[in-house]
C-alpha cells in the first residue's frame, strides 16, 4: 500500500514538471513572436523630419470630444481667476476654459461639434 501511494506521488510530480515545462516553453515562444512583430512593424516606419516631430509633440489645436476645441496661445496667462483650468487632457470637462499641457497653454475656442 505504501509503495503504491509513493508511486502515485512520484508519477504526479513527474507529470506536473512536464506540464510546467511545456507551458513555459509555449509562453516564451509567444513572447518572442510578439517582440518580432513589434520590431518588424517599427522597421517599416520611416522617421519623421525634426520639424514634424516637434509639431506632433506640441499641437496647435486640441480637439476633445464633447468638451471643445482648445487653441494654443502665444502669450502666457498668469491670472486664472474665474477660469476652470485643467492640467491634463484627461481632466478636461465641458466647463474647462484653459488647458495647460504639452508645454503650452490652450484656451477654449469653441464647443465640440
PDB file of N, CA and C in Angstrom:
ATOM      1  N   UNK A   1       0.824  -1.192   0.000  1.00  0.00           N
ATOM      2  CA  UNK A   1       0.000   0.000   0.000  1.00  0.00           C
ATOM      3  C   UNK A   1       0.869   1.257   0.000  1.00  0.00           C
ATOM      4  N   UNK A   2       1.884   1.231   0.828  1.00  0.00           N
ATOM      5  CA  UNK A   2       2.778   2.375   0.921  1.00  0.00           C
ATOM      6  C   UNK A   2       3.536   2.572  -0.392  1.00  0.00           C
ATOM      7  N   UNK A   3       3.941   1.516  -1.028  1.00  0.00           N
ATOM      8  CA  UNK A   3       4.655   1.589  -2.294  1.00  0.00           C
ATOM      9  C   UNK A   3       3.740   2.159  -3.382  1.00  0.00           C
ATOM     10  N   UNK A   4       2.493   1.752  -3.363  1.00  0.00           N
ATOM     11  CA  UNK A   4       1.533   2.225  -4.350  1.00  0.00           C
ATOM     12  C   UNK A   4       1.289   3.735  -4.190  1.00  0.00           C
ATOM     13  N   UNK A   5       1.187   4.200  -2.963  1.00  0.00           N
ATOM     14  CA  UNK A   5       0.966   5.618  -2.680  1.00  0.00           C
ATOM     15  C   UNK A   5       2.189   6.442  -3.100  1.00  0.00           C
ATOM     16  N   UNK A   6       3.380   5.912  -2.826  1.00  0.00           N
ATOM     17  CA  UNK A   6       4.616   6.593  -3.187  1.00  0.00           C
ATOM     18  C   UNK A   6       4.774   6.654  -4.708  1.00  0.00           C
ATOM     19  N   UNK A   7       4.414   5.584  -5.391  1.00  0.00           N
ATOM     20  CA  UNK A   7       4.477   5.548  -6.850  1.00  0.00           C
ATOM     21  C   UNK A   7       3.517   6.569  -7.454  1.00  0.00           C
ATOM     22  N   UNK A   8       2.325   6.722  -6.887  1.00  0.00           N
ATOM     23  CA  UNK A   8       1.346   7.709  -7.360  1.00  0.00           C
ATOM     24  C   UNK A   8       1.869   9.125  -7.160  1.00  0.00           C
ATOM     25  N   UNK A   9       2.491   9.375  -6.032  1.00  0.00           N
ATOM     26  CA  UNK A   9       3.036  10.703  -5.744  1.00  0.00           C
ATOM     27  C   UNK A   9       4.154  11.045  -6.718  1.00  0.00           C
ATOM     28  N   UNK A  10       5.063  10.105  -6.963  1.00  0.00           N
ATOM     29  CA  UNK A  10       6.176  10.333  -7.888  1.00  0.00           C
ATOM     30  C   UNK A  10       5.638  10.573  -9.299  1.00  0.00           C
ATOM     31  N   UNK A  11       4.643   9.817  -9.714  1.00  0.00           N
ATOM     32  CA  UNK A  11       4.044   9.993 -11.038  1.00  0.00           C
ATOM     33  C   UNK A  11       3.406  11.375 -11.160  1.00  0.00           C
ATOM     34  N   UNK A  12       2.702  11.798 -10.128  1.00  0.00           N
ATOM     35  CA  UNK A  12       2.065  13.121 -10.147  1.00  0.00           C
ATOM     36  C   UNK A  12       3.098  14.229 -10.236  1.00  0.00           C
ATOM     37  N   UNK A  13       4.207  14.094  -9.532  1.00  0.00           N
ATOM     38  CA  UNK A  13       5.261  15.102  -9.568  1.00  0.00           C
ATOM     39  C   UNK A  13       5.886  15.160 -10.953  1.00  0.00           C
ATOM     40  N   UNK A  14       6.161  14.013 -11.557  1.00  0.00           N
ATOM     41  CA  UNK A  14       6.766  13.975 -12.894  1.00  0.00           C
ATOM     42  C   UNK A  14       5.836  14.599 -13.930  1.00  0.00           C
ATOM     43  N   UNK A  15       4.551  14.285 -13.869  1.00  0.00           N
ATOM     44  CA  UNK A  15       3.582  14.848 -14.811  1.00  0.00           C
ATOM     45  C   UNK A  15       3.491  16.358 -14.626  1.00  0.00           C
ATOM     46  N   UNK A  16       3.500  16.824 -13.393  1.00  0.00           N
ATOM     47  CA  UNK A  16       3.428  18.261 -13.117  1.00  0.00           C
ATOM     48  C   UNK A  16       4.638  18.992 -13.684  1.00  0.00           C
ATOM     49  N   UNK A  17       5.828  18.422 -13.498  1.00  0.00           N
ATOM     50  CA  UNK A  17       7.046  19.044 -14.005  1.00  0.00           C
ATOM     51  C   UNK A  17       7.022  19.099 -15.529  1.00  0.00           C
ATOM     52  N   UNK A  18       6.562  18.056 -16.177  1.00  0.00           N
ATOM     53  CA  UNK A  18       6.482  18.031 -17.639  1.00  0.00           C
ATOM     54  C   UNK A  18       5.495  19.091 -18.133  1.00  0.00           C
ATOM     55  N   UNK A  19       4.325  19.206 -17.489  1.00  0.00           N
ATOM     56  CA  UNK A  19       3.329  20.199 -17.899  1.00  0.00           C
ATOM     57  C   UNK A  19       3.838  21.621 -17.705  1.00  0.00           C
ATOM     58  N   UNK A  20       4.540  21.859 -16.609  1.00  0.00           N
ATOM     59  CA  UNK A  20       5.107  23.188 -16.376  1.00  0.00           C
ATOM     60  C   UNK A  20       6.145  23.528 -17.444  1.00  0.00           C
ATOM     61  N   UNK A  21       6.966  22.581 -17.801  1.00  0.00           N
ATOM     62  CA  UNK A  21       7.975  22.804 -18.837  1.00  0.00           C
ATOM     63  C   UNK A  21       7.350  23.134 -20.171  1.00  0.00           C
ATOM     64  N   UNK A  22       6.302  22.419 -20.538  1.00  0.00           N
ATOM     65  CA  UNK A  22       5.618  22.664 -21.808  1.00  0.00           C
ATOM     66  C   UNK A  22       4.959  24.044 -21.787  1.00  0.00           C
ATOM     67  N   UNK A  23       4.350  24.416 -20.670  1.00  0.00           N
ATOM     68  CA  UNK A  23       3.678  25.711 -20.554  1.00  0.00           C
ATOM     69  C   UNK A  23       4.679  26.854 -20.689  1.00  0.00           C
ATOM     70  N   UNK A  24       5.789  26.800 -19.974  1.00  0.00           N
ATOM     71  CA  UNK A  24       6.792  27.859 -20.055  1.00  0.00           C
ATOM     72  C   UNK A  24       7.410  27.941 -21.440  1.00  0.00           C
ATOM     73  N   UNK A  25       7.579  26.820 -22.091  1.00  0.00           N
ATOM     74  CA  UNK A  25       8.149  26.814 -23.429  1.00  0.00           C
ATOM     75  C   UNK A  25       7.219  27.524 -24.406  1.00  0.00           C
ATOM     76  N   UNK A  26       5.911  27.261 -24.319  1.00  0.00           N
ATOM     77  CA  UNK A  26       4.946  27.913 -25.210  1.00  0.00           C
ATOM     78  C   UNK A  26       4.873  29.401 -24.932  1.00  0.00           C
ATOM     79  N   UNK A  27       4.889  29.788 -23.663  1.00  0.00           N
ATOM     80  CA  UNK A  27       4.798  31.197 -23.296  1.00  0.00           C
ATOM     81  C   UNK A  27       5.991  31.974 -23.834  1.00  0.00           C
ATOM     82  N   UNK A  28       7.174  31.428 -23.701  1.00  0.00           N
ATOM     83  CA  UNK A  28       8.364  32.141 -24.180  1.00  0.00           C
ATOM     84  C   UNK A  28       8.339  32.267 -25.704  1.00  0.00           C
ATOM     85  N   UNK A  29       7.819  31.281 -26.403  1.00  0.00           N
ATOM     86  CA  UNK A  29       7.740  31.369 -27.865  1.00  0.00           C
ATOM     87  C   UNK A  29       6.744  32.440 -28.286  1.00  0.00           C
ATOM     88  N   UNK A  30       5.611  32.560 -27.548  1.00  0.00           N
ATOM     89  CA  UNK A  30       4.625  33.576 -27.880  1.00  0.00           C
ATOM     90  C   UNK A  30       5.201  34.966 -27.655  1.00  0.00           C
ATOM     91  N   UNK A  31       5.918  35.188 -26.566  1.00  0.00           N
ATOM     92  CA  UNK A  31       6.503  36.496 -26.300  1.00  0.00           C
ATOM     93  C   UNK A  31       7.536  36.851 -27.361  1.00  0.00           C
ATOM     94  N   UNK A  32       8.298  35.899 -27.782  1.00  0.00           N
ATOM     95  CA  UNK A  32       9.294  36.152 -28.816  1.00  0.00           C
ATOM     96  C   UNK A  32       8.630  36.572 -30.110  1.00  0.00           C
ATOM     97  N   UNK A  33       7.548  35.898 -30.486  1.00  0.00           N
ATOM     98  CA  UNK A  33       6.891  36.252 -31.740  1.00  0.00           C
ATOM     99  C   UNK A  33       6.274  37.645 -31.664  1.00  0.00           C
ATOM    100  N   UNK A  34       5.735  38.057 -30.508  1.00  0.00           N
ATOM    101  CA  UNK A  34       5.184  39.399 -30.368  1.00  0.00           C
ATOM    102  C   UNK A  34       6.286  40.446 -30.481  1.00  0.00           C
ATOM    103  N   UNK A  35       7.435  40.187 -29.880  1.00  0.00           N
ATOM    104  CA  UNK A  35       8.551  41.117 -29.983  1.00  0.00           C
ATOM    105  C   UNK A  35       9.025  41.233 -31.419  1.00  0.00           C
ATOM    106  N   UNK A  36       9.059  40.111 -32.138  1.00  0.00           N
ATOM    107  CA  UNK A  36       9.473  40.140 -33.539  1.00  0.00           C
ATOM    108  C   UNK A  36       8.505  40.980 -34.374  1.00  0.00           C
ATOM    109  N   UNK A  37       7.201  40.818 -34.118  1.00  0.00           N
ATOM    110  CA  UNK A  37       6.207  41.585 -34.861  1.00  0.00           C
ATOM    111  C   UNK A  37       6.376  43.076 -34.596  1.00  0.00           C
ATOM    112  N   UNK A  38       6.597  43.451 -33.326  1.00  0.00           N
ATOM    113  CA  UNK A  38       6.781  44.843 -32.983  1.00  0.00           C
ATOM    114  C   UNK A  38       8.017  45.414 -33.687  1.00  0.00           C
ATOM    115  N   UNK A  39       9.097  44.655 -33.681  1.00  0.00           N
ATOM    116  CA  UNK A  39      10.328  45.115 -34.294  1.00  0.00           C
ATOM    117  C   UNK A  39      10.145  45.275 -35.809  1.00  0.00           C
ATOM    118  N   UNK A  40       9.489  44.323 -36.457  1.00  0.00           N
ATOM    119  CA  UNK A  40       9.271  44.419 -37.900  1.00  0.00           C
ATOM    120  C   UNK A  40       8.381  45.610 -38.241  1.00  0.00           C
ATOM    121  N   UNK A  41       7.376  45.871 -37.409  1.00  0.00           N
ATOM    122  CA  UNK A  41       6.484  46.996 -37.660  1.00  0.00           C
ATOM    123  C   UNK A  41       7.244  48.312 -37.559  1.00  0.00           C
ATOM    124  N   UNK A  42       8.085  48.469 -36.547  1.00  0.00           N
ATOM    125  CA  UNK A  42       8.825  49.722 -36.393  1.00  0.00           C
ATOM    126  C   UNK A  42       9.904  49.858 -37.452  1.00  0.00           C
ATOM    127  N   UNK A  43      10.423  48.753 -37.977  1.00  0.00           N
ATOM    128  CA  UNK A  43      11.417  48.837 -39.044  1.00  0.00           C
ATOM    129  C   UNK A  43      10.812  49.412 -40.319  1.00  0.00           C
ATOM    130  N   UNK A  44       9.513  49.193 -40.525  1.00  0.00           N
ATOM    131  CA  UNK A  44       8.854  49.673 -41.732  1.00  0.00           C
ATOM    132  C   UNK A  44       8.566  51.172 -41.677  1.00  0.00           C
ATOM    133  N   UNK A  45       8.510  51.726 -40.479  1.00  0.00           N
ATOM    134  CA  UNK A  45       8.179  53.138 -40.337  1.00  0.00           C
ATOM    135  C   UNK A  45       9.394  54.008 -40.652  1.00  0.00           C
ATOM    136  N   UNK A  46       9.170  55.035 -41.450  1.00  0.00           N
ATOM    137  CA  UNK A  46      10.240  55.976 -41.745  1.00  0.00           C
ATOM    138  C   UNK A  46      10.261  57.036 -40.642  1.00  0.00           C
ATOM    139  N   UNK A  47      11.434  57.493 -40.240  1.00  0.00           N
ATOM    140  CA  UNK A  47      11.491  58.522 -39.198  1.00  0.00           C
ATOM    141  C   UNK A  47      10.938  59.848 -39.711  1.00  0.00           C
ATOM    142  N   UNK A  48      10.280  60.586 -38.810  1.00  0.00           N
ATOM    143  CA  UNK A  48       9.729  61.886 -39.172  1.00  0.00           C
ATOM    144  C   UNK A  48      10.834  62.937 -39.195  1.00  0.00           C
ATOM    145  N   UNK A  49      10.719  63.934 -40.059  1.00  0.00           N
ATOM    146  CA  UNK A  49      11.663  65.048 -40.016  1.00  0.00           C
ATOM    147  C   UNK A  49      11.539  65.789 -38.680  1.00  0.00           C
ATOM    148  N   UNK A  50      12.584  66.470 -38.268  1.00  0.00           N
ATOM    149  CA  UNK A  50      12.613  67.126 -36.952  1.00  0.00           C
ATOM    150  C   UNK A  50      11.462  68.113 -36.765  1.00  0.00           C
ATOM    151  N   UNK A  51      11.103  68.865 -37.809  1.00  0.00           N
ATOM    152  CA  UNK A  51      10.016  69.841 -37.678  1.00  0.00           C
ATOM    153  C   UNK A  51       8.679  69.153 -37.423  1.00  0.00           C
ATOM    154  N   UNK A  52       8.444  68.021 -38.059  1.00  0.00           N
ATOM    155  CA  UNK A  52       7.190  67.296 -37.848  1.00  0.00           C
ATOM    156  C   UNK A  52       7.160  66.615 -36.491  1.00  0.00           C
ATOM    157  N   UNK A  53       8.289  66.148 -36.005  1.00  0.00           N
ATOM    158  CA  UNK A  53       8.332  65.528 -34.679  1.00  0.00           C
ATOM    159  C   UNK A  53       7.941  66.559 -33.632  1.00  0.00           C
ATOM    160  N   UNK A  54       8.488  67.767 -33.746  1.00  0.00           N
ATOM    161  CA  UNK A  54       8.143  68.833 -32.790  1.00  0.00           C
ATOM    162  C   UNK A  54       6.655  69.150 -32.873  1.00  0.00           C
ATOM    163  N   UNK A  55       6.118  69.290 -34.090  1.00  0.00           N
ATOM    164  CA  UNK A  55       4.700  69.604 -34.264  1.00  0.00           C
ATOM    165  C   UNK A  55       3.799  68.501 -33.707  1.00  0.00           C
ATOM    166  N   UNK A  56       4.193  67.255 -33.858  1.00  0.00           N
ATOM    167  CA  UNK A  56       3.356  66.168 -33.374  1.00  0.00           C
ATOM    168  C   UNK A  56       3.366  66.086 -31.851  1.00  0.00           C
ATOM    169  N   UNK A  57       4.430  66.576 -31.219  1.00  0.00           N
ATOM    170  CA  UNK A  57       4.502  66.551 -29.758  1.00  0.00           C
ATOM    171  C   UNK A  57       3.961  67.835 -29.131  1.00  0.00           C
ATOM    172  N   UNK A  58       3.778  68.901 -29.928  1.00  0.00           N
ATOM    173  CA  UNK A  58       3.290  70.187 -29.433  1.00  0.00           C
ATOM    174  C   UNK A  58       2.207  70.702 -30.381  1.00  0.00           C
ATOM    175  N   UNK A  59       0.993  70.179 -30.280  1.00  0.00           N
ATOM    176  CA  UNK A  59      -0.068  70.555 -31.232  1.00  0.00           C
ATOM    177  C   UNK A  59      -0.523  72.004 -31.054  1.00  0.00           C
ATOM    178  N   UNK A  60      -1.016  72.614 -32.142  1.00  0.00           N
ATOM    179  CA  UNK A  60      -1.559  73.970 -32.088  1.00  0.00           C
ATOM    180  C   UNK A  60      -3.027  73.963 -31.670  1.00  0.00           C
ATOM    181  N   UNK A  61      -3.729  72.900 -31.998  1.00  0.00           N
ATOM    182  CA  UNK A  61      -5.136  72.760 -31.622  1.00  0.00           C
ATOM    183  C   UNK A  61      -5.348  71.372 -31.027  1.00  0.00           C
ATOM    184  N   UNK A  62      -6.181  71.319 -30.003  1.00  0.00           N
ATOM    185  CA  UNK A  62      -6.516  70.041 -29.381  1.00  0.00           C
ATOM    186  C   UNK A  62      -8.035  69.901 -29.427  1.00  0.00           C
ATOM    187  N   UNK A  63      -8.499  68.846 -30.053  1.00  0.00           N
ATOM    188  CA  UNK A  63      -9.927  68.563 -30.142  1.00  0.00           C
ATOM    189  C   UNK A  63     -10.261  67.494 -29.104  1.00  0.00           C
ATOM    190  N   UNK A  64     -11.145  67.839 -28.179  1.00  0.00           N
ATOM    191  CA  UNK A  64     -11.549  66.888 -27.143  1.00  0.00           C
ATOM    192  C   UNK A  64     -13.044  66.654 -27.295  1.00  0.00           C
ATOM    193  N   UNK A  65     -13.387  65.417 -27.578  1.00  0.00           N
ATOM    194  CA  UNK A  65     -14.779  65.068 -27.858  1.00  0.00           C
ATOM    195  C   UNK A  65     -15.679  65.460 -26.697  1.00  0.00           C
ATOM    196  N   UNK A  66     -16.785  66.073 -27.012  1.00  0.00           N
ATOM    197  CA  UNK A  66     -17.815  66.510 -26.068  1.00  0.00           C
ATOM    198  C   UNK A  66     -17.355  67.632 -25.143  1.00  0.00           C
ATOM    199  N   UNK A  67     -16.130  68.126 -25.289  1.00  0.00           N
ATOM    200  CA  UNK A  67     -15.646  69.193 -24.408  1.00  0.00           C
ATOM    201  C   UNK A  67     -15.285  70.467 -25.161  1.00  0.00           C
ATOM    202  N   UNK A  68     -14.750  70.359 -26.363  1.00  0.00           N
ATOM    203  CA  UNK A  68     -14.449  71.560 -27.118  1.00  0.00           C
ATOM    204  C   UNK A  68     -13.135  71.515 -27.866  1.00  0.00           C
ATOM    205  N   UNK A  69     -12.838  72.659 -28.509  1.00  0.00           N
ATOM    206  CA  UNK A  69     -11.600  72.820 -29.263  1.00  0.00           C
ATOM    207  C   UNK A  69     -10.737  73.824 -28.506  1.00  0.00           C
ATOM    208  N   UNK A  70      -9.512  73.430 -28.211  1.00  0.00           N
ATOM    209  CA  UNK A  70      -8.589  74.282 -27.475  1.00  0.00           C
ATOM    210  C   UNK A  70      -7.455  74.684 -28.404  1.00  0.00           C
ATOM    211  N   UNK A  71      -7.161  76.012 -28.454  1.00  0.00           N
ATOM    212  CA  UNK A  71      -6.146  76.547 -29.345  1.00  0.00           C
ATOM    213  C   UNK A  71      -4.981  77.064 -28.507  1.00  0.00           C
ATOM    214  N   UNK A  72      -3.769  76.772 -28.958  1.00  0.00           N
ATOM    215  CA  UNK A  72      -2.566  77.176 -28.241  1.00  0.00           C
ATOM    216  C   UNK A  72      -2.405  78.690 -28.283  1.00  0.00           C
ATOM    217  N   UNK A  73      -2.046  79.279 -27.141  1.00  0.00           N
ATOM    218  CA  UNK A  73      -1.836  80.724 -27.065  1.00  0.00           C
ATOM    219  C   UNK A  73      -0.347  81.027 -27.042  1.00  0.00           C
ATOM    220  N   UNK A  74      -0.003  82.168 -27.617  1.00  0.00           N
ATOM    221  CA  UNK A  74       1.410  82.572 -27.620  1.00  0.00           C
ATOM    222  C   UNK A  74       1.773  83.296 -26.335  1.00  0.00           C
ATOM    223  N   UNK A  75       0.821  84.067 -25.770  1.00  0.00           N
ATOM    224  CA  UNK A  75       1.101  84.780 -24.531  1.00  0.00           C
ATOM    225  C   UNK A  75       0.831  83.864 -23.335  1.00  0.00           C
ATOM    226  N   UNK A  76       1.568  84.107 -22.270  1.00  0.00           N
ATOM    227  CA  UNK A  76       1.443  83.285 -21.064  1.00  0.00           C
ATOM    228  C   UNK A  76       0.443  83.949 -20.124  1.00  0.00           C
ATOM    229  N   UNK A  77      -0.563  83.204 -19.732  1.00  0.00           N
ATOM    230  CA  UNK A  77      -1.562  83.718 -18.792  1.00  0.00           C
ATOM    231  C   UNK A  77      -1.149  83.345 -17.373  1.00  0.00           C
ATOM    232  N   UNK A  78      -1.059  84.359 -16.507  1.00  0.00           N
ATOM    233  CA  UNK A  78      -0.687  84.101 -15.122  1.00  0.00           C
ATOM    234  C   UNK A  78      -1.879  84.191 -14.186  1.00  0.00           C
ATOM    235  N   UNK A  79      -2.912  84.897 -14.602  1.00  0.00           N
ATOM    236  CA  UNK A  79      -4.086  85.080 -13.750  1.00  0.00           C
ATOM    237  C   UNK A  79      -5.203  84.164 -14.241  1.00  0.00           C
ATOM    238  N   UNK A  80      -5.500  83.137 -13.451  1.00  0.00           N
ATOM    239  CA  UNK A  80      -6.539  82.171 -13.820  1.00  0.00           C
ATOM    240  C   UNK A  80      -7.850  82.423 -13.085  1.00  0.00           C
ATOM    241  N   UNK A  81      -8.022  83.591 -12.474  1.00  0.00           N
ATOM    242  CA  UNK A  81      -9.217  83.843 -11.677  1.00  0.00           C
ATOM    243  C   UNK A  81     -10.469  83.794 -12.557  1.00  0.00           C
ATOM    244  N   UNK A  82     -11.449  83.086 -12.096  1.00  0.00           N
ATOM    245  CA  UNK A  82     -12.709  82.955 -12.819  1.00  0.00           C
ATOM    246  C   UNK A  82     -12.667  81.969 -13.965  1.00  0.00           C
ATOM    247  N   UNK A  83     -11.577  81.244 -14.106  1.00  0.00           N
ATOM    248  CA  UNK A  83     -11.451  80.278 -15.194  1.00  0.00           C
ATOM    249  C   UNK A  83     -11.310  78.875 -14.628  1.00  0.00           C
ATOM    250  N   UNK A  84     -11.809  77.896 -15.364  1.00  0.00           N
ATOM    251  CA  UNK A  84     -11.642  76.495 -14.971  1.00  0.00           C
ATOM    252  C   UNK A  84     -10.430  75.960 -15.728  1.00  0.00           C
ATOM    253  N   UNK A  85      -9.422  75.540 -14.961  1.00  0.00           N
ATOM    254  CA  UNK A  85      -8.147  75.125 -15.550  1.00  0.00           C
ATOM    255  C   UNK A  85      -7.967  73.618 -15.391  1.00  0.00           C
ATOM    256  N   UNK A  86      -7.490  72.965 -16.437  1.00  0.00           N
ATOM    257  CA  UNK A  86      -7.135  71.541 -16.387  1.00  0.00           C
ATOM    258  C   UNK A  86      -5.662  71.422 -16.742  1.00  0.00           C
ATOM    259  N   UNK A  87      -4.964  70.590 -16.008  1.00  0.00           N
ATOM    260  CA  UNK A  87      -3.532  70.414 -16.243  1.00  0.00           C
ATOM    261  C   UNK A  87      -3.223  69.122 -16.977  1.00  0.00           C
ATOM    262  N   UNK A  88      -4.241  68.465 -17.467  1.00  0.00           N
ATOM    263  CA  UNK A  88      -4.059  67.227 -18.223  1.00  0.00           C
ATOM    264  C   UNK A  88      -5.263  67.070 -19.140  1.00  0.00           C
ATOM    265  N   UNK A  89      -5.055  66.485 -20.290  1.00  0.00           N
ATOM    266  CA  UNK A  89      -6.145  66.299 -21.251  1.00  0.00           C
ATOM    267  C   UNK A  89      -7.238  65.417 -20.661  1.00  0.00           C
ATOM    268  N   UNK A  90      -6.860  64.484 -19.801  1.00  0.00           N
ATOM    269  CA  UNK A  90      -7.837  63.578 -19.193  1.00  0.00           C
ATOM    270  C   UNK A  90      -8.743  64.289 -18.183  1.00  0.00           C
ATOM    271  N   UNK A  91      -8.342  65.462 -17.693  1.00  0.00           N
ATOM    272  CA  UNK A  91      -9.118  66.188 -16.686  1.00  0.00           C
ATOM    273  C   UNK A  91     -10.095  67.192 -17.289  1.00  0.00           C
ATOM    274  N   UNK A  92     -10.093  67.370 -18.577  1.00  0.00           N
ATOM    275  CA  UNK A  92     -10.921  68.386 -19.234  1.00  0.00           C
ATOM    276  C   UNK A  92     -12.394  68.018 -19.136  1.00  0.00           C
ATOM    277  N   UNK A  93     -13.208  69.018 -18.801  1.00  0.00           N
ATOM    278  CA  UNK A  93     -14.665  68.862 -18.771  1.00  0.00           C
ATOM    279  C   UNK A  93     -15.276  69.926 -19.675  1.00  0.00           C
ATOM    280  N   UNK A  94     -16.593  69.956 -19.768  1.00  0.00           N
ATOM    281  CA  UNK A  94     -17.266  70.963 -20.601  1.00  0.00           C
ATOM    282  C   UNK A  94     -17.052  72.367 -20.060  1.00  0.00           C
ATOM    283  N   UNK A  95     -16.830  72.496 -18.757  1.00  0.00           N
ATOM    284  CA  UNK A  95     -16.645  73.796 -18.129  1.00  0.00           C
ATOM    285  C   UNK A  95     -15.216  74.310 -18.227  1.00  0.00           C
ATOM    286  N   UNK A  96     -14.273  73.490 -18.637  1.00  0.00           N
ATOM    287  CA  UNK A  96     -12.861  73.885 -18.701  1.00  0.00           C
ATOM    288  C   UNK A  96     -12.666  74.989 -19.732  1.00  0.00           C
ATOM    289  N   UNK A  97     -11.956  76.063 -19.327  1.00  0.00           N
ATOM    290  CA  UNK A  97     -11.671  77.161 -20.250  1.00  0.00           C
ATOM    291  C   UNK A  97     -10.194  77.217 -20.631  1.00  0.00           C
ATOM    292  N   UNK A  98      -9.316  76.729 -19.754  1.00  0.00           N
ATOM    293  CA  UNK A  98      -7.869  76.737 -20.040  1.00  0.00           C
ATOM    294  C   UNK A  98      -7.324  75.340 -19.831  1.00  0.00           C
ATOM    295  N   UNK A  99      -6.491  74.904 -20.761  1.00  0.00           N
ATOM    296  CA  UNK A  99      -5.817  73.613 -20.673  1.00  0.00           C
ATOM    297  C   UNK A  99      -4.315  73.870 -20.681  1.00  0.00           C
ATOM    298  N   UNK A 100      -3.633  73.380 -19.666  1.00  0.00           N
ATOM    299  CA  UNK A 100      -2.174  73.506 -19.596  1.00  0.00           C
ATOM    300  C   UNK A 100      -1.608  72.112 -19.832  1.00  0.00           C
ATOM    301  N   UNK A 101      -1.035  71.904 -21.033  1.00  0.00           N
ATOM    302  CA  UNK A 101      -0.500  70.589 -21.405  1.00  0.00           C
ATOM    303  C   UNK A 101       0.473  70.754 -22.566  1.00  0.00           C
ATOM    304  N   UNK A 102       1.273  69.725 -22.794  1.00  0.00           N
ATOM    305  CA  UNK A 102       2.210  69.706 -23.920  1.00  0.00           C
ATOM    306  C   UNK A 102       3.096  70.952 -23.953  1.00  0.00           C
ATOM    307  N   UNK A 103       3.571  71.390 -22.828  1.00  0.00           N
ATOM    308  CA  UNK A 103       4.454  72.557 -22.716  1.00  0.00           C
ATOM    309  C   UNK A 103       3.817  73.823 -23.274  1.00  0.00           C
ATOM    310  N   UNK A 104       2.523  73.983 -23.092  1.00  0.00           N
ATOM    311  CA  UNK A 104       1.853  75.188 -23.581  1.00  0.00           C
ATOM    312  C   UNK A 104       0.516  75.386 -22.895  1.00  0.00           C
ATOM    313  N   UNK A 105      -0.077  76.564 -23.149  1.00  0.00           N
ATOM    314  CA  UNK A 105      -1.401  76.874 -22.628  1.00  0.00           C
ATOM    315  C   UNK A 105      -2.380  76.945 -23.795  1.00  0.00           C
ATOM    316  N   UNK A 106      -3.539  76.367 -23.589  1.00  0.00           N
ATOM    317  CA  UNK A 106      -4.557  76.323 -24.633  1.00  0.00           C
ATOM    318  C   UNK A 106      -5.842  76.937 -24.095  1.00  0.00           C
ATOM    319  N   UNK A 107      -6.468  77.806 -24.884  1.00  0.00           N
ATOM    320  CA  UNK A 107      -7.718  78.441 -24.495  1.00  0.00           C
ATOM    321  C   UNK A 107      -8.837  77.810 -25.315  1.00  0.00           C
ATOM    322  N   UNK A 108      -9.966  77.587 -24.649  1.00  0.00           N
ATOM    323  CA  UNK A 108     -11.122  77.002 -25.336  1.00  0.00           C
ATOM    324  C   UNK A 108     -11.652  77.997 -26.354  1.00  0.00           C
ATOM    325  N   UNK A 109     -11.695  77.563 -27.613  1.00  0.00           N
ATOM    326  CA  UNK A 109     -12.136  78.449 -28.688  1.00  0.00           C
ATOM    327  C   UNK A 109     -13.599  78.200 -29.037  1.00  0.00           C
ATOM    328  N   UNK A 110     -13.999  76.948 -29.080  1.00  0.00           N
ATOM    329  CA  UNK A 110     -15.384  76.642 -29.442  1.00  0.00           C
ATOM    330  C   UNK A 110     -15.802  75.323 -28.827  1.00  0.00           C
ATOM    331  N   UNK A 111     -17.072  75.082 -28.889  1.00  0.00           N
ATOM    332  CA  UNK A 111     -17.639  73.824 -28.374  1.00  0.00           C
ATOM    333  C   UNK A 111     -17.398  72.711 -29.385  1.00  0.00           C
ATOM    334  N   UNK A 112     -17.525  71.490 -28.933  1.00  0.00           N
ATOM    335  CA  UNK A 112     -17.414  70.312 -29.797  1.00  0.00           C
ATOM    336  C   UNK A 112     -18.605  70.274 -30.741  1.00  0.00           C
ATOM    337  N   UNK A 113     -18.343  70.026 -32.011  1.00  0.00           N
ATOM    338  CA  UNK A 113     -19.450  69.971 -32.982  1.00  0.00           C
ATOM    339  C   UNK A 113     -19.624  68.568 -33.478  1.00  0.00           C
TER     340      UNK A 113
END
